PDB file of N, CA and C in Angstrom:
ATOM      1  N   MET A   1       0.618  -1.013  -0.016  1.00  0.00           N
ATOM      2  CA  MET A   1       0.264  -0.037  -0.127  1.00  0.00           C
ATOM      3  C   MET A   1       0.319   1.460  -0.029  1.00  0.00           C
ATOM      4  N   ASP A   2       0.011   2.020  -0.505  1.00  0.00           N
ATOM      5  CA  ASP A   2       0.696   3.670  -0.656  1.00  0.00           C
ATOM      6  C   ASP A   2       0.853   3.741   0.937  1.00  0.00           C
ATOM      7  N   PRO A   3       2.064   4.522   1.244  1.00  0.00           N
ATOM      8  CA  PRO A   3       2.558   5.382   1.996  1.00  0.00           C
ATOM      9  C   PRO A   3       1.548   6.307   3.006  1.00  0.00           C
ATOM     10  N   LEU A   4       1.140   6.974   2.120  1.00  0.00           N
ATOM     11  CA  LEU A   4       0.073   8.585   1.874  1.00  0.00           C
ATOM     12  C   LEU A   4      -1.237   7.481   2.474  1.00  0.00           C
ATOM     13  N   ILE A   5      -1.552   6.585   1.848  1.00  0.00           N
ATOM     14  CA  ILE A   5      -3.031   5.802   2.329  1.00  0.00           C
ATOM     15  C   ILE A   5      -2.713   5.211   3.530  1.00  0.00           C
ATOM     16  N   LEU A   6      -1.529   4.475   3.669  1.00  0.00           N
ATOM     17  CA  LEU A   6      -1.255   3.958   5.035  1.00  0.00           C
ATOM     18  C   LEU A   6      -1.580   4.714   6.584  1.00  0.00           C
ATOM     19  N   SER A   7      -0.706   6.297   5.940  1.00  0.00           N
ATOM     20  CA  SER A   7      -0.615   6.902   6.691  1.00  0.00           C
ATOM     21  C   SER A   7      -2.076   7.671   7.450  1.00  0.00           C
ATOM     22  N   VAL A   8      -3.033   8.275   6.705  1.00  0.00           N
ATOM     23  CA  VAL A   8      -4.401   8.653   6.708  1.00  0.00           C
ATOM     24  C   VAL A   8      -4.834   7.254   7.496  1.00  0.00           C
ATOM     25  N   LEU A   9      -4.484   6.161   7.117  1.00  0.00           N
ATOM     26  CA  LEU A   9      -5.350   4.929   7.971  1.00  0.00           C
ATOM     27  C   LEU A   9      -5.034   5.082   9.266  1.00  0.00           C
ATOM     28  N   TYR A  10      -3.888   4.943   9.331  1.00  0.00           N
ATOM     29  CA  TYR A  10      -3.462   5.279  11.134  1.00  0.00           C
ATOM     30  C   TYR A  10      -3.957   6.235  11.694  1.00  0.00           C
ATOM     31  N   VAL A  11      -3.849   7.571  11.544  1.00  0.00           N
ATOM     32  CA  VAL A  11      -4.284   8.777  12.018  1.00  0.00           C
ATOM     33  C   VAL A  11      -6.005   7.986  12.682  1.00  0.00           C
ATOM     34  N   TRP A  12      -6.664   8.026  11.116  1.00  0.00           N
ATOM     35  CA  TRP A  12      -7.938   7.898  11.116  1.00  0.00           C
ATOM     36  C   TRP A  12      -8.181   6.568  12.701  1.00  0.00           C
ATOM     37  N   CYS A  13      -7.291   5.309  12.366  1.00  0.00           N
ATOM     38  CA  CYS A  13      -7.734   4.259  13.605  1.00  0.00           C
ATOM     39  C   CYS A  13      -7.255   5.027  14.888  1.00  0.00           C
ATOM     40  N   GLN A  14      -6.557   5.862  15.120  1.00  0.00           N
ATOM     41  CA  GLN A  14      -6.036   5.897  16.144  1.00  0.00           C
ATOM     42  C   GLN A  14      -7.204   6.867  17.068  1.00  0.00           C
ATOM     43  N   LEU A  15      -7.989   7.926  15.903  1.00  0.00           N
ATOM     44  CA  LEU A  15      -9.120   8.815  16.307  1.00  0.00           C
ATOM     45  C   LEU A  15      -9.818   7.712  16.579  1.00  0.00           C
ATOM     46  N   ASN A  16     -10.472   7.295  16.167  1.00  0.00           N
ATOM     47  CA  ASN A  16     -11.692   6.490  16.643  1.00  0.00           C
ATOM     48  C   ASN A  16     -11.567   4.859  16.745  1.00  0.00           C
ATOM     49  N   LYS A  17     -10.437   5.541  17.935  1.00  0.00           N
ATOM     50  CA  LYS A  17      -9.615   3.402  18.238  1.00  0.00           C
ATOM     51  C   LYS A  17     -11.101   2.602  18.717  1.00  0.00           C
ATOM     52  N   GLU A  18     -11.884   3.181  19.527  1.00  0.00           N
ATOM     53  CA  GLU A  18     -13.421   2.141  20.027  1.00  0.00           C
ATOM     54  C   GLU A  18     -14.265   1.743  19.009  1.00  0.00           C
ATOM     55  N   MET A  19     -14.098   2.214  17.147  1.00  0.00           N
ATOM     56  CA  MET A  19     -14.847   1.665  16.395  1.00  0.00           C
ATOM     57  C   MET A  19     -14.584   0.072  15.842  1.00  0.00           C
ATOM     58  N   ILE A  20     -15.134  -0.324  15.879  1.00  0.00           N
ATOM     59  CA  ILE A  20     -15.459  -1.977  15.073  1.00  0.00           C
ATOM     60  C   ILE A  20     -15.324  -1.869  14.048  1.00  0.00           C
ATOM     61  N   VAL A  21     -14.251  -2.545  13.219  1.00  0.00           N
ATOM     62  CA  VAL A  21     -14.476  -2.076  11.570  1.00  0.00           C
ATOM     63  C   VAL A  21     -14.399  -3.547  11.727  1.00  0.00           C
ATOM     64  N   THR A  22     -14.736  -4.085  10.330  1.00  0.00           N
ATOM     65  CA  THR A  22     -14.700  -5.335   9.363  1.00  0.00           C
ATOM     66  C   THR A  22     -13.616  -5.720   9.091  1.00  0.00           C
ATOM     67  N   PHE A  23     -13.158  -6.818   8.731  1.00  0.00           N
ATOM     68  CA  PHE A  23     -12.016  -7.395   7.484  1.00  0.00           C
ATOM     69  C   PHE A  23     -12.530  -8.280   7.068  1.00  0.00           C
ATOM     70  N   TRP A  24     -11.282  -9.247   6.993  1.00  0.00           N
ATOM     71  CA  TRP A  24     -11.782 -10.235   5.795  1.00  0.00           C
ATOM     72  C   TRP A  24     -12.617 -11.145   6.832  1.00  0.00           C
ATOM     73  N   PHE A  25     -13.691 -11.839   5.948  1.00  0.00           N
ATOM     74  CA  PHE A  25     -14.545 -12.449   6.066  1.00  0.00           C
ATOM     75  C   PHE A  25     -15.554 -12.547   7.116  1.00  0.00           C
ATOM     76  N   GLY A  26     -15.661 -11.192   7.743  1.00  0.00           N
ATOM     77  CA  GLY A  26     -16.599 -10.714   9.051  1.00  0.00           C
ATOM     78  C   GLY A  26     -15.547 -10.837  10.443  1.00  0.00           C
ATOM     79  N   THR A  27     -14.236 -10.157  10.097  1.00  0.00           N
ATOM     80  CA  THR A  27     -13.163 -10.626  11.158  1.00  0.00           C
ATOM     81  C   THR A  27     -13.955  -9.290  11.866  1.00  0.00           C
ATOM     82  N   ARG A  28     -14.367  -9.082  13.382  1.00  0.00           N
ATOM     83  CA  ARG A  28     -14.164  -7.607  13.510  1.00  0.00           C
ATOM     84  C   ARG A  28     -13.878  -7.232  14.519  1.00  0.00           C
ATOM     85  N   PHE A  29     -12.988  -6.320  14.869  1.00  0.00           N
ATOM     86  CA  PHE A  29     -12.129  -5.853  16.291  1.00  0.00           C
ATOM     87  C   PHE A  29     -11.943  -4.145  16.098  1.00  0.00           C
ATOM     88  N   LYS A  30     -11.214  -4.036  17.063  1.00  0.00           N
ATOM     89  CA  LYS A  30     -11.718  -2.481  17.349  1.00  0.00           C
ATOM     90  C   LYS A  30     -10.588  -1.502  16.368  1.00  0.00           C
ATOM     91  N   ALA A  31     -10.960  -0.679  15.418  1.00  0.00           N
ATOM     92  CA  ALA A  31      -9.581   0.290  15.237  1.00  0.00           C
ATOM     93  C   ALA A  31      -8.896   0.005  15.265  1.00  0.00           C
ATOM     94  N   GLN A  32      -8.147   0.416  16.353  1.00  0.00           N
ATOM     95  CA  GLN A  32      -6.898   0.714  17.059  1.00  0.00           C
ATOM     96  C   GLN A  32      -6.291  -0.283  15.811  1.00  0.00           C
ATOM     97  N   PHE A  33      -6.630  -2.053  16.554  1.00  0.00           N
ATOM     98  CA  PHE A  33      -5.543  -2.683  16.020  1.00  0.00           C
ATOM     99  C   PHE A  33      -5.469  -3.063  13.956  1.00  0.00           C
ATOM    100  N   LEU A  34      -6.591  -2.269  13.712  1.00  0.00           N
ATOM    101  CA  LEU A  34      -6.412  -2.619  12.040  1.00  0.00           C
ATOM    102  C   LEU A  34      -5.101  -2.125  10.848  1.00  0.00           C
ATOM    103  N   PRO A  35      -4.080  -1.154  11.742  1.00  0.00           N
ATOM    104  CA  PRO A  35      -2.853  -1.117  11.059  1.00  0.00           C
ATOM    105  C   PRO A  35      -2.420  -2.544  11.409  1.00  0.00           C
ATOM    106  N   TRP A  36      -2.246  -2.850  12.609  1.00  0.00           N
ATOM    107  CA  TRP A  36      -1.664  -4.301  12.686  1.00  0.00           C
ATOM    108  C   TRP A  36      -1.423  -5.711  12.283  1.00  0.00           C
ATOM    109  N   VAL A  37      -3.141  -5.670  12.265  1.00  0.00           N
ATOM    110  CA  VAL A  37      -3.651  -6.974  11.400  1.00  0.00           C
ATOM    111  C   VAL A  37      -3.209  -6.454  10.136  1.00  0.00           C
ATOM    112  N   LEU A  38      -3.732  -5.331   9.412  1.00  0.00           N
ATOM    113  CA  LEU A  38      -3.306  -5.014   7.833  1.00  0.00           C
ATOM    114  C   LEU A  38      -1.300  -5.274   7.644  1.00  0.00           C
ATOM    115  N   LEU A  39      -0.728  -4.649   8.493  1.00  0.00           N
ATOM    116  CA  LEU A  39       0.600  -5.519   8.670  1.00  0.00           C
ATOM    117  C   LEU A  39       0.897  -7.260   8.614  1.00  0.00           C
ATOM    118  N   GLY A  40       0.839  -7.629   9.611  1.00  0.00           N
ATOM    119  CA  GLY A  40       0.251  -8.563   9.430  1.00  0.00           C
ATOM    120  C   GLY A  40      -0.338  -9.778   8.158  1.00  0.00           C
ATOM    121  N   PHE A  41      -1.673  -9.016   7.748  1.00  0.00           N
ATOM    122  CA  PHE A  41      -2.163  -9.840   6.564  1.00  0.00           C
ATOM    123  C   PHE A  41      -0.680  -9.456   5.652  1.00  0.00           C
ATOM    124  N   ASN A  42      -0.199  -8.351   5.600  1.00  0.00           N
ATOM    125  CA  ASN A  42       0.655  -8.035   4.204  1.00  0.00           C
ATOM    126  C   ASN A  42       1.998  -8.882   4.180  1.00  0.00           C
ATOM    127  N   MET A  43       1.833  -9.099   5.785  1.00  0.00           N
ATOM    128  CA  MET A  43       3.872 -10.250   5.431  1.00  0.00           C
ATOM    129  C   MET A  43       3.251 -12.057   5.318  1.00  0.00           C
ATOM    130  N   ILE A  44       1.950 -12.078   5.465  1.00  0.00           N
ATOM    131  CA  ILE A  44       1.411 -13.484   4.376  1.00  0.00           C
ATOM    132  C   ILE A  44       1.664 -13.399   3.223  1.00  0.00           C
ATOM    133  N   LEU A  45       0.550 -12.274   2.628  1.00  0.00           N
ATOM    134  CA  LEU A  45       0.763 -12.190   1.654  1.00  0.00           C
ATOM    135  C   LEU A  45       1.906 -12.026   0.499  1.00  0.00           C
ATOM    136  N   GLY A  46       2.543 -10.952   0.953  1.00  0.00           N
ATOM    137  CA  GLY A  46       3.848 -10.485   0.797  1.00  0.00           C
ATOM    138  C   GLY A  46       5.079 -11.216   0.572  1.00  0.00           C
ATOM    139  N   GLY A  47       4.707 -12.698   1.772  1.00  0.00           N
ATOM    140  CA  GLY A  47       6.004 -13.763   1.842  1.00  0.00           C
ATOM    141  C   GLY A  47       6.961 -13.506   2.770  1.00  0.00           C
ATOM    142  N   GLY A  48       5.887 -11.947   4.023  1.00  0.00           N
ATOM    143  CA  GLY A  48       6.830 -11.883   5.103  1.00  0.00           C
ATOM    144  C   GLY A  48       8.152 -10.389   4.594  1.00  0.00           C
ATOM    145  N   SER A  49       7.972 -10.000   3.608  1.00  0.00           N
ATOM    146  CA  SER A  49       8.665  -8.813   3.613  1.00  0.00           C
ATOM    147  C   SER A  49       8.073  -7.631   3.827  1.00  0.00           C
ATOM    148  N   VAL A  50       8.385  -6.875   4.867  1.00  0.00           N
ATOM    149  CA  VAL A  50       7.714  -5.805   5.472  1.00  0.00           C
ATOM    150  C   VAL A  50       8.444  -4.112   5.728  1.00  0.00           C
ATOM    151  N   SER A  51       9.781  -4.377   4.757  1.00  0.00           N
ATOM    152  CA  SER A  51      10.424  -3.333   4.146  1.00  0.00           C
ATOM    153  C   SER A  51       9.427  -2.200   3.825  1.00  0.00           C
ATOM    154  N   VAL A  52       8.824  -2.339   2.780  1.00  0.00           N
ATOM    155  CA  VAL A  52       8.201  -0.811   2.486  1.00  0.00           C
ATOM    156  C   VAL A  52       6.974  -0.818   3.646  1.00  0.00           C
ATOM    157  N   SER A  53       6.905  -1.721   4.174  1.00  0.00           N
ATOM    158  CA  SER A  53       5.313  -1.663   5.709  1.00  0.00           C
ATOM    159  C   SER A  53       6.054  -0.810   6.132  1.00  0.00           C
ATOM    160  N   SER A  54       7.304  -1.283   7.156  1.00  0.00           N
ATOM    161  CA  SER A  54       7.518  -1.013   8.258  1.00  0.00           C
ATOM    162  C   SER A  54       8.259   0.682   7.724  1.00  0.00           C
ATOM    163  N   LYS A  55       8.764   0.924   6.855  1.00  0.00           N
ATOM    164  CA  LYS A  55       8.478   2.329   6.161  1.00  0.00           C
ATOM    165  C   LYS A  55       7.570   3.070   6.308  1.00  0.00           C
ATOM    166  N   SER A  56       6.358   2.709   5.571  1.00  0.00           N
ATOM    167  CA  SER A  56       5.056   3.482   5.819  1.00  0.00           C
ATOM    168  C   SER A  56       4.732   3.310   7.419  1.00  0.00           C
ATOM    169  N   TRP A  57       4.667   2.179   8.273  1.00  0.00           N
ATOM    170  CA  TRP A  57       4.422   2.668   9.332  1.00  0.00           C
ATOM    171  C   TRP A  57       5.316   3.505  10.106  1.00  0.00           C
ATOM    172  N   ALA A  58       6.543   3.670   9.729  1.00  0.00           N
ATOM    173  CA  ALA A  58       6.905   4.367  10.627  1.00  0.00           C
ATOM    174  C   ALA A  58       6.757   5.945  10.195  1.00  0.00           C
ATOM    175  N   PHE A  59       6.678   6.087   9.034  1.00  0.00           N
ATOM    176  CA  PHE A  59       6.011   7.034   8.446  1.00  0.00           C
ATOM    177  C   PHE A  59       4.440   7.802   8.761  1.00  0.00           C
ATOM    178  N   SER A  60       3.777   6.690   9.732  1.00  0.00           N
ATOM    179  CA  SER A  60       2.315   7.384   9.792  1.00  0.00           C
ATOM    180  C   SER A  60       2.037   7.094  10.956  1.00  0.00           C
ATOM    181  N   LEU A  61       3.351   6.445  12.102  1.00  0.00           N
ATOM    182  CA  LEU A  61       3.503   7.478  12.930  1.00  0.00           C
ATOM    183  C   LEU A  61       4.028   8.625  13.582  1.00  0.00           C
ATOM    184  N   VAL A  62       5.397   8.918  12.735  1.00  0.00           N
ATOM    185  CA  VAL A  62       4.913  10.594  12.341  1.00  0.00           C
ATOM    186  C   VAL A  62       4.070  11.362  12.009  1.00  0.00           C
ATOM    187  N   THR A  63       3.474  11.154  11.403  1.00  0.00           N
ATOM    188  CA  THR A  63       2.509  11.431  10.777  1.00  0.00           C
ATOM    189  C   THR A  63       1.144  11.807  11.969  1.00  0.00           C
ATOM    190  N   TYR A  64       1.324  10.678  12.671  1.00  0.00           N
ATOM    191  CA  TYR A  64      -0.123  11.036  13.697  1.00  0.00           C
ATOM    192  C   TYR A  64       0.788  11.949  14.984  1.00  0.00           C
ATOM    193  N   PHE A  65       1.911  11.673  14.900  1.00  0.00           N
ATOM    194  CA  PHE A  65       2.051  12.119  16.605  1.00  0.00           C
ATOM    195  C   PHE A  65       2.642  13.707  15.962  1.00  0.00           C
ATOM    196  N   ILE A  66       2.645  13.686  15.137  1.00  0.00           N
ATOM    197  CA  ILE A  66       2.772  15.555  14.532  1.00  0.00           C
ATOM    198  C   ILE A  66       1.236  16.477  14.703  1.00  0.00           C
ATOM    199  N   THR A  67       0.486  15.940  14.162  1.00  0.00           N
ATOM    200  CA  THR A  67      -0.923  16.050  14.178  1.00  0.00           C
ATOM    201  C   THR A  67      -1.550  15.992  15.404  1.00  0.00           C
ATOM    202  N   LEU A  68      -1.383  15.551  16.049  1.00  0.00           N
ATOM    203  CA  LEU A  68      -1.837  15.699  17.803  1.00  0.00           C
ATOM    204  C   LEU A  68      -0.910  16.457  18.591  1.00  0.00           C
ATOM    205  N   ASN A  69       0.663  16.657  17.926  1.00  0.00           N
ATOM    206  CA  ASN A  69       1.094  17.234  18.467  1.00  0.00           C
ATOM    207  C   ASN A  69       0.648  19.249  18.561  1.00  0.00           C
ATOM    208  N   MET A  70       0.313  19.367  17.483  1.00  0.00           N
ATOM    209  CA  MET A  70      -0.322  20.243  16.539  1.00  0.00           C
ATOM    210  C   MET A  70      -1.787  20.621  17.426  1.00  0.00           C
ATOM    211  N   SER A  71      -2.421  19.676  17.386  1.00  0.00           N
ATOM    212  CA  SER A  71      -3.702  20.189  17.660  1.00  0.00           C
ATOM    213  C   SER A  71      -3.809  20.506  19.039  1.00  0.00           C
ATOM    214  N   ILE A  72      -3.025  19.895  20.097  1.00  0.00           N
ATOM    215  CA  ILE A  72      -2.945  20.101  21.225  1.00  0.00           C
ATOM    216  C   ILE A  72      -1.988  21.279  21.702  1.00  0.00           C
ATOM    217  N   GLN A  73      -1.375  22.150  20.987  1.00  0.00           N
ATOM    218  CA  GLN A  73      -0.738  23.578  20.754  1.00  0.00           C
ATOM    219  C   GLN A  73      -1.773  24.688  20.069  1.00  0.00           C
ATOM    220  N   GLU A  74      -2.838  23.931  19.527  1.00  0.00           N
ATOM    221  CA  GLU A  74      -3.827  24.939  18.858  1.00  0.00           C
ATOM    222  C   GLU A  74      -4.992  25.401  19.827  1.00  0.00           C
ATOM    223  N   ILE A  75      -5.185  24.151  21.064  1.00  0.00           N
ATOM    224  CA  ILE A  75      -6.323  24.346  22.009  1.00  0.00           C
ATOM    225  C   ILE A  75      -5.373  25.093  23.180  1.00  0.00           C
ATOM    226  N   LYS A  76      -4.157  24.918  23.232  1.00  0.00           N
ATOM    227  CA  LYS A  76      -3.377  26.054  24.455  1.00  0.00           C
ATOM    228  C   LYS A  76      -3.586  26.883  24.060  1.00  0.00           C
ATOM    229  N   VAL A  77      -2.920  27.484  22.569  1.00  0.00           N
ATOM    230  CA  VAL A  77      -3.369  28.659  22.224  1.00  0.00           C
ATOM    231  C   VAL A  77      -4.845  29.303  22.141  1.00  0.00           C
ATOM    232  N   GLU A  78      -5.832  28.837  21.960  1.00  0.00           N
ATOM    233  CA  GLU A  78      -6.850  29.126  21.745  1.00  0.00           C
ATOM    234  C   GLU A  78      -7.413  29.457  23.500  1.00  0.00           C
ATOM    235  N   ALA A  79      -6.873  28.702  24.806  1.00  0.00           N
ATOM    236  CA  ALA A  79      -7.631  28.637  26.235  1.00  0.00           C
ATOM    237  C   ALA A  79      -6.447  30.062  26.227  1.00  0.00           C
ATOM    238  N   ASN A  80      -5.445  30.121  25.533  1.00  0.00           N
ATOM    239  CA  ASN A  80      -4.924  31.665  26.260  1.00  0.00           C
ATOM    240  C   ASN A  80      -5.668  32.866  25.812  1.00  0.00           C
TER     241      ASN A  80
END
């Protein structure tokens, strides 16, 4: 998957942690676990190669923490 799509998906999953999502064959779990399920699924289908996926997930983590910190700083500025 494209790193940009994965980063958007990761941010969405972290902002909607408690939402129940459905994966293949009706498997249901909380959205916070979807990135890890996709990573495992990619390992199974891709033959265990996770170099591109791991770079994508690292980019996703950085994107999430940057957006989270930006939101917190905006809230602090508005409170003052």
